[in-house]
Amino acid sequence: VVGIMATKGAGVNGEDLDDFVVIPWTTAQR
């Protein structure tokens, strides 16, 4: 873990925008 994103809350459709993990796209793809 290299970072924590700031809290955003709910999106336009009410979904939780903060429920995710970001990784490099190359790592995810390969």
PDB file of all heavy atoms in Angstrom:
ATOM      1  N   VAL A   1       0.858  -1.197   0.000  1.00  0.00           N
ATOM      2  CA  VAL A   1       0.000   0.000   0.000  1.00  0.00           C
ATOM      3  C   VAL A   1       0.890   1.240   0.000  1.00  0.00           C
ATOM      4  O   VAL A   1       1.733   1.415   0.889  1.00  0.00           O
ATOM      5  CB  VAL A   1      -0.931   0.009   1.220  1.00  0.00           C
ATOM      6  CG1 VAL A   1      -1.771   1.288   1.229  1.00  0.00           C
ATOM      7  CG2 VAL A   1      -1.828  -1.218   1.224  1.00  0.00           C
ATOM      8  N   VAL A   2       0.707   2.094  -1.023  1.00  0.00           N
ATOM      9  CA  VAL A   2       1.519   3.313  -1.116  1.00  0.00           C
ATOM     10  C   VAL A   2       0.706   4.573  -0.826  1.00  0.00           C
ATOM     11  O   VAL A   2       1.277   5.660  -0.679  1.00  0.00           O
ATOM     12  CB  VAL A   2       2.174   3.433  -2.512  1.00  0.00           C
ATOM     13  CG1 VAL A   2       3.153   2.285  -2.737  1.00  0.00           C
ATOM     14  CG2 VAL A   2       1.114   3.486  -3.619  1.00  0.00           C
ATOM     15  N   GLY A   3      -0.616   4.458  -0.756  1.00  0.00           N
ATOM     16  CA  GLY A   3      -1.409   5.658  -0.518  1.00  0.00           C
ATOM     17  C   GLY A   3      -2.861   5.351  -0.175  1.00  0.00           C
ATOM     18  O   GLY A   3      -3.356   4.245  -0.425  1.00  0.00           O
ATOM     19  N   ILE A   4      -3.523   6.341   0.410  1.00  0.00           N
ATOM     20  CA  ILE A   4      -4.957   6.280   0.727  1.00  0.00           C
ATOM     21  C   ILE A   4      -5.622   7.488   0.078  1.00  0.00           C
ATOM     22  O   ILE A   4      -5.183   8.624   0.270  1.00  0.00           O
ATOM     23  CB  ILE A   4      -5.216   6.307   2.244  1.00  0.00           C
ATOM     24  CG1 ILE A   4      -4.412   5.220   2.955  1.00  0.00           C
ATOM     25  CG2 ILE A   4      -6.713   6.164   2.531  1.00  0.00           C
ATOM     26  CD1 ILE A   4      -4.807   3.832   2.610  1.00  0.00           C
ATOM     27  N   MET A   5      -6.696   7.251  -0.681  1.00  0.00           N
ATOM     28  CA  MET A   5      -7.398   8.343  -1.338  1.00  0.00           C
ATOM     29  C   MET A   5      -8.314   9.074  -0.357  1.00  0.00           C
ATOM     30  O   MET A   5      -8.801   8.478   0.615  1.00  0.00           O
ATOM     31  CB  MET A   5      -8.233   7.816  -2.504  1.00  0.00           C
ATOM     32  CG  MET A   5      -7.445   7.044  -3.553  1.00  0.00           C
ATOM     33  SD  MET A   5      -6.107   8.013  -4.287  1.00  0.00           S
ATOM     34  CE  MET A   5      -7.047   9.215  -5.234  1.00  0.00           C
ATOM     35  N   ALA A   6      -8.534  10.352  -0.614  1.00  0.00           N
ATOM     36  CA  ALA A   6      -9.464  11.129   0.203  1.00  0.00           C
ATOM     37  C   ALA A   6     -10.889  10.621  -0.010  1.00  0.00           C
ATOM     38  O   ALA A   6     -11.220  10.068  -1.057  1.00  0.00           O
ATOM     39  CB  ALA A   6      -9.364  12.604  -0.161  1.00  0.00           C
ATOM     40  N   THR A   7     -11.728  10.820   0.984  1.00  0.00           N
ATOM     41  CA  THR A   7     -13.114  10.343   0.921  1.00  0.00           C
ATOM     42  C   THR A   7     -13.952  11.221  -0.008  1.00  0.00           C
ATOM     43  O   THR A   7     -13.871  12.443   0.041  1.00  0.00           O
ATOM     44  CB  THR A   7     -13.741  10.344   2.323  1.00  0.00           C
ATOM     45  OG1 THR A   7     -12.974   9.495   3.169  1.00  0.00           O
ATOM     46  CG2 THR A   7     -15.174   9.857   2.276  1.00  0.00           C
ATOM     47  N   LYS A   8     -14.754  10.560  -0.869  1.00  0.00           N
ATOM     48  CA  LYS A   8     -15.651  11.296  -1.764  1.00  0.00           C
ATOM     49  C   LYS A   8     -17.125  11.058  -1.450  1.00  0.00           C
ATOM     50  O   LYS A   8     -17.967  11.886  -1.752  1.00  0.00           O
ATOM     51  CB  LYS A   8     -15.373  10.908  -3.214  1.00  0.00           C
ATOM     52  CG  LYS A   8     -14.207  11.666  -3.841  1.00  0.00           C
ATOM     53  CD  LYS A   8     -14.354  11.760  -5.340  1.00  0.00           C
ATOM     54  CE  LYS A   8     -13.302  12.674  -5.935  1.00  0.00           C
ATOM     55  NZ  LYS A   8     -13.506  12.887  -7.381  1.00  0.00           N
ATOM     56  N   GLY A   9     -17.463   9.909  -0.891  1.00  0.00           N
ATOM     57  CA  GLY A   9     -18.867   9.652  -0.562  1.00  0.00           C
ATOM     58  C   GLY A   9     -19.597   8.936  -1.675  1.00  0.00           C
ATOM     59  O   GLY A   9     -19.050   8.061  -2.342  1.00  0.00           O
ATOM     60  N   ALA A  10     -20.853   9.326  -1.903  1.00  0.00           N
ATOM     61  CA  ALA A  10     -21.711   8.642  -2.874  1.00  0.00           C
ATOM     62  C   ALA A  10     -21.612   9.287  -4.239  1.00  0.00           C
ATOM     63  O   ALA A  10     -21.376  10.492  -4.364  1.00  0.00           O
ATOM     64  CB  ALA A  10     -23.159   8.647  -2.397  1.00  0.00           C
ATOM     65  N   GLY A  11     -21.825   8.483  -5.284  1.00  0.00           N
ATOM     66  CA  GLY A  11     -21.819   8.988  -6.647  1.00  0.00           C
ATOM     67  C   GLY A  11     -23.193   9.421  -7.093  1.00  0.00           C
ATOM     68  O   GLY A  11     -24.143   9.487  -6.306  1.00  0.00           O
ATOM     69  N   VAL A  12     -23.336   9.701  -8.398  1.00  0.00           N
ATOM     70  CA  VAL A  12     -24.603  10.177  -8.957  1.00  0.00           C
ATOM     71  C   VAL A  12     -25.711   9.165  -8.745  1.00  0.00           C
ATOM     72  O   VAL A  12     -26.853   9.510  -8.451  1.00  0.00           O
ATOM     73  CB  VAL A  12     -24.420  10.479 -10.463  1.00  0.00           C
ATOM     74  CG1 VAL A  12     -25.759  10.835 -11.087  1.00  0.00           C
ATOM     75  CG2 VAL A  12     -23.439  11.622 -10.664  1.00  0.00           C
ATOM     76  N   ASN A  13     -25.380   7.869  -8.863  1.00  0.00           N
ATOM     77  CA  ASN A  13     -26.382   6.819  -8.700  1.00  0.00           C
ATOM     78  C   ASN A  13     -26.459   6.294  -7.275  1.00  0.00           C
ATOM     79  O   ASN A  13     -27.134   5.300  -7.005  1.00  0.00           O
ATOM     80  CB  ASN A  13     -26.078   5.654  -9.651  1.00  0.00           C
ATOM     81  CG  ASN A  13     -26.220   6.044 -11.104  1.00  0.00           C
ATOM     82  OD1 ASN A  13     -27.170   6.743 -11.465  1.00  0.00           O
ATOM     83  ND2 ASN A  13     -25.290   5.636 -11.935  1.00  0.00           N
ATOM     84  N   GLY A  14     -25.742   6.937  -6.341  1.00  0.00           N
ATOM     85  CA  GLY A  14     -25.784   6.524  -4.950  1.00  0.00           C
ATOM     86  C   GLY A  14     -24.756   5.479  -4.568  1.00  0.00           C
ATOM     87  O   GLY A  14     -24.726   5.021  -3.427  1.00  0.00           O
ATOM     88  N   GLU A  15     -23.887   5.071  -5.511  1.00  0.00           N
ATOM     89  CA  GLU A  15     -22.891   4.048  -5.207  1.00  0.00           C
ATOM     90  C   GLU A  15     -21.758   4.638  -4.359  1.00  0.00           C
ATOM     91  O   GLU A  15     -21.523   5.843  -4.365  1.00  0.00           O
ATOM     92  CB  GLU A  15     -22.312   3.459  -6.493  1.00  0.00           C
ATOM     93  CG  GLU A  15     -21.397   4.385  -7.291  1.00  0.00           C
ATOM     94  CD  GLU A  15     -22.105   5.372  -8.187  1.00  0.00           C
ATOM     95  OE1 GLU A  15     -23.331   5.561  -8.010  1.00  0.00           O
ATOM     96  OE2 GLU A  15     -21.451   5.964  -9.057  1.00  0.00           O
ATOM     97  N   ASP A  16     -21.062   3.766  -3.641  1.00  0.00           N
ATOM     98  CA  ASP A  16     -19.945   4.191  -2.783  1.00  0.00           C
ATOM     99  C   ASP A  16     -18.713   4.416  -3.658  1.00  0.00           C
ATOM    100  O   ASP A  16     -18.113   3.464  -4.166  1.00  0.00           O
ATOM    101  CB  ASP A  16     -19.663   3.126  -1.723  1.00  0.00           C
ATOM    102  CG  ASP A  16     -18.577   3.561  -0.742  1.00  0.00           C
ATOM    103  OD1 ASP A  16     -18.048   4.689  -0.877  1.00  0.00           O
ATOM    104  OD2 ASP A  16     -18.250   2.768   0.172  1.00  0.00           O
ATOM    105  N   LEU A  17     -18.319   5.665  -3.837  1.00  0.00           N
ATOM    106  CA  LEU A  17     -17.167   5.989  -4.677  1.00  0.00           C
ATOM    107  C   LEU A  17     -15.841   5.595  -4.033  1.00  0.00           C
ATOM    108  O   LEU A  17     -14.812   5.542  -4.716  1.00  0.00           O
ATOM    109  CB  LEU A  17     -17.151   7.490  -4.991  1.00  0.00           C
ATOM    110  CG  LEU A  17     -18.286   8.035  -5.852  1.00  0.00           C
ATOM    111  CD1 LEU A  17     -18.144   9.534  -6.032  1.00  0.00           C
ATOM    112  CD2 LEU A  17     -18.329   7.337  -7.198  1.00  0.00           C
ATOM    113  N   ASP A  18     -15.829   5.340  -2.738  1.00  0.00           N
ATOM    114  CA  ASP A  18     -14.581   5.068  -2.024  1.00  0.00           C
ATOM    115  C   ASP A  18     -14.299   3.581  -1.867  1.00  0.00           C
ATOM    116  O   ASP A  18     -13.325   3.202  -1.207  1.00  0.00           O
ATOM    117  CB  ASP A  18     -14.632   5.732  -0.636  1.00  0.00           C
ATOM    118  CG  ASP A  18     -14.881   7.227  -0.740  1.00  0.00           C
ATOM    119  OD1 ASP A  18     -14.098   7.898  -1.420  1.00  0.00           O
ATOM    120  OD2 ASP A  18     -15.870   7.703  -0.154  1.00  0.00           O
ATOM    121  N   ASP A  19     -15.131   2.742  -2.452  1.00  0.00           N
ATOM    122  CA  ASP A  19     -14.969   1.295  -2.323  1.00  0.00           C
ATOM    123  C   ASP A  19     -14.197   0.763  -3.537  1.00  0.00           C
ATOM    124  O   ASP A  19     -14.784   0.239  -4.489  1.00  0.00           O
ATOM    125  CB  ASP A  19     -16.343   0.640  -2.202  1.00  0.00           C
ATOM    126  CG  ASP A  19     -16.242  -0.851  -1.901  1.00  0.00           C
ATOM    127  OD1 ASP A  19     -15.117  -1.332  -1.640  1.00  0.00           O
ATOM    128  OD2 ASP A  19     -17.285  -1.530  -1.933  1.00  0.00           O
ATOM    129  N   PHE A  20     -12.870   0.893  -3.522  1.00  0.00           N
ATOM    130  CA  PHE A  20     -12.042   0.455  -4.646  1.00  0.00           C
ATOM    131  C   PHE A  20     -10.579   0.364  -4.214  1.00  0.00           C
ATOM    132  O   PHE A  20     -10.179   0.909  -3.182  1.00  0.00           O
ATOM    133  CB  PHE A  20     -12.156   1.430  -5.824  1.00  0.00           C
ATOM    134  CG  PHE A  20     -11.535   2.766  -5.551  1.00  0.00           C
ATOM    135  CD1 PHE A  20     -10.234   3.044  -5.941  1.00  0.00           C
ATOM    136  CD2 PHE A  20     -12.241   3.751  -4.876  1.00  0.00           C
ATOM    137  CE1 PHE A  20      -9.656   4.276  -5.659  1.00  0.00           C
ATOM    138  CE2 PHE A  20     -11.669   4.979  -4.593  1.00  0.00           C
ATOM    139  CZ  PHE A  20     -10.371   5.245  -4.986  1.00  0.00           C
ATOM    140  N   VAL A  21      -9.803  -0.321  -5.044  1.00  0.00           N
ATOM    141  CA  VAL A  21      -8.349  -0.370  -4.891  1.00  0.00           C
ATOM    142  C   VAL A  21      -7.741  -0.041  -6.249  1.00  0.00           C
ATOM    143  O   VAL A  21      -8.127  -0.624  -7.265  1.00  0.00           O
ATOM    144  CB  VAL A  21      -7.860  -1.760  -4.429  1.00  0.00           C
ATOM    145  CG1 VAL A  21      -6.332  -1.831  -4.441  1.00  0.00           C
ATOM    146  CG2 VAL A  21      -8.385  -2.079  -3.033  1.00  0.00           C
ATOM    147  N   VAL A  22      -6.826   0.911  -6.277  1.00  0.00           N
ATOM    148  CA  VAL A  22      -6.150   1.311  -7.511  1.00  0.00           C
ATOM    149  C   VAL A  22      -4.794   0.629  -7.583  1.00  0.00           C
ATOM    150  O   VAL A  22      -4.021   0.658  -6.612  1.00  0.00           O
ATOM    151  CB  VAL A  22      -5.983   2.845  -7.577  1.00  0.00           C
ATOM    152  CG1 VAL A  22      -5.008   3.235  -8.684  1.00  0.00           C
ATOM    153  CG2 VAL A  22      -7.326   3.510  -7.819  1.00  0.00           C
ATOM    154  N   ILE A  23      -4.501   0.015  -8.738  1.00  0.00           N
ATOM    155  CA  ILE A  23      -3.189  -0.557  -9.002  1.00  0.00           C
ATOM    156  C   ILE A  23      -2.763  -0.112 -10.397  1.00  0.00           C
ATOM    157  O   ILE A  23      -3.593   0.373 -11.185  1.00  0.00           O
ATOM    158  CB  ILE A  23      -3.215  -2.103  -8.905  1.00  0.00           C
ATOM    159  CG1 ILE A  23      -4.121  -2.702  -9.984  1.00  0.00           C
ATOM    160  CG2 ILE A  23      -3.657  -2.545  -7.521  1.00  0.00           C
ATOM    161  CD1 ILE A  23      -4.111  -4.228 -10.022  1.00  0.00           C
ATOM    162  N   PRO A  24      -1.490  -0.250 -10.777  1.00  0.00           N
ATOM    163  CA  PRO A  24      -1.069   0.100 -12.141  1.00  0.00           C
ATOM    164  C   PRO A  24      -1.818  -0.752 -13.172  1.00  0.00           C
ATOM    165  O   PRO A  24      -2.022  -1.958 -12.971  1.00  0.00           O
ATOM    166  CB  PRO A  24       0.428  -0.223 -12.134  1.00  0.00           C
ATOM    167  CG  PRO A  24       0.839  -0.125 -10.706  1.00  0.00           C
ATOM    168  CD  PRO A  24      -0.342  -0.623  -9.921  1.00  0.00           C
ATOM    169  N   TRP A  25      -2.229  -0.111 -14.266  1.00  0.00           N
ATOM    170  CA  TRP A  25      -2.983  -0.847 -15.273  1.00  0.00           C
ATOM    171  C   TRP A  25      -2.143  -1.949 -15.909  1.00  0.00           C
ATOM    172  O   TRP A  25      -2.678  -2.998 -16.298  1.00  0.00           O
ATOM    173  CB  TRP A  25      -3.536   0.096 -16.338  1.00  0.00           C
ATOM    174  CG  TRP A  25      -2.514   0.661 -17.301  1.00  0.00           C
ATOM    175  CD1 TRP A  25      -1.812   1.819 -17.171  1.00  0.00           C
ATOM    176  CD2 TRP A  25      -2.110   0.079 -18.542  1.00  0.00           C
ATOM    177  NE1 TRP A  25      -0.979   2.007 -18.246  1.00  0.00           N
ATOM    178  CE2 TRP A  25      -1.149   0.947 -19.113  1.00  0.00           C
ATOM    179  CE3 TRP A  25      -2.442  -1.083 -19.231  1.00  0.00           C
ATOM    180  CZ2 TRP A  25      -0.517   0.695 -20.334  1.00  0.00           C
ATOM    181  CZ3 TRP A  25      -1.828  -1.344 -20.449  1.00  0.00           C
ATOM    182  CH2 TRP A  25      -0.875  -0.464 -20.991  1.00  0.00           C
ATOM    183  N   THR A  26      -0.854  -1.742 -15.984  1.00  0.00           N
ATOM    184  CA  THR A  26       0.023  -2.779 -16.536  1.00  0.00           C
ATOM    185  C   THR A  26       0.055  -4.003 -15.624  1.00  0.00           C
ATOM    186  O   THR A  26       0.074  -5.150 -16.096  1.00  0.00           O
ATOM    187  CB  THR A  26       1.436  -2.219 -16.699  1.00  0.00           C
ATOM    188  OG1 THR A  26       1.833  -1.560 -15.473  1.00  0.00           O
ATOM    189  CG2 THR A  26       1.498  -1.195 -17.823  1.00  0.00           C
ATOM    190  N   THR A  27       0.014  -3.769 -14.314  1.00  0.00           N
ATOM    191  CA  THR A  27      -0.008  -4.888 -13.365  1.00  0.00           C
ATOM    192  C   THR A  27      -1.318  -5.659 -13.489  1.00  0.00           C
ATOM    193  O   THR A  27      -1.332  -6.895 -13.486  1.00  0.00           O
ATOM    194  CB  THR A  27       0.157  -4.360 -11.932  1.00  0.00           C
ATOM    195  OG1 THR A  27       1.303  -3.523 -11.861  1.00  0.00           O
ATOM    196  CG2 THR A  27       0.289  -5.490 -10.944  1.00  0.00           C
ATOM    197  N   ALA A  28      -2.420  -4.932 -13.569  1.00  0.00           N
ATOM    198  CA  ALA A  28      -3.725  -5.583 -13.700  1.00  0.00           C
ATOM    199  C   ALA A  28      -3.813  -6.367 -14.995  1.00  0.00           C
ATOM    200  O   ALA A  28      -4.316  -7.506 -15.021  1.00  0.00           O
ATOM    201  CB  ALA A  28      -4.825  -4.530 -13.644  1.00  0.00           C
ATOM    202  N   GLN A  29      -3.309  -5.788 -16.074  1.00  0.00           N
ATOM    203  CA  GLN A  29      -3.426  -6.431 -17.388  1.00  0.00           C
ATOM    204  C   GLN A  29      -2.522  -7.656 -17.516  1.00  0.00           C
ATOM    205  O   GLN A  29      -2.954  -8.708 -17.978  1.00  0.00           O
ATOM    206  CB  GLN A  29      -3.087  -5.414 -18.485  1.00  0.00           C
ATOM    207  CG  GLN A  29      -3.256  -5.937 -19.904  1.00  0.00           C
ATOM    208  CD  GLN A  29      -2.679  -4.984 -20.921  1.00  0.00           C
ATOM    209  OE1 GLN A  29      -1.494  -4.639 -20.881  1.00  0.00           O
ATOM    210  NE2 GLN A  29      -3.525  -4.506 -21.842  1.00  0.00           N
ATOM    211  N   ARG A  30      -1.280  -7.525 -17.096  1.00  0.00           N
ATOM    212  CA  ARG A  30      -0.301  -8.587 -17.355  1.00  0.00           C
ATOM    213  C   ARG A  30      -0.249  -9.637 -16.251  1.00  0.00           C
ATOM    214  O   ARG A  30      -0.074 -10.832 -16.534  1.00  0.00           O
ATOM    215  CB  ARG A  30       1.092  -7.970 -17.520  1.00  0.00           C
ATOM    216  CG  ARG A  30       1.185  -6.979 -18.665  1.00  0.00           C
ATOM    217  CD  ARG A  30       2.503  -6.224 -18.599  1.00  0.00           C
ATOM    218  NE  ARG A  30       2.504  -5.071 -19.510  1.00  0.00           N
ATOM    219  CZ  ARG A  30       3.481  -4.155 -19.536  1.00  0.00           C
ATOM    220  NH1 ARG A  30       4.509  -4.258 -18.694  1.00  0.00           N
ATOM    221  NH2 ARG A  30       3.405  -3.147 -20.378  1.00  0.00           N
TER     222      ARG A  30
END
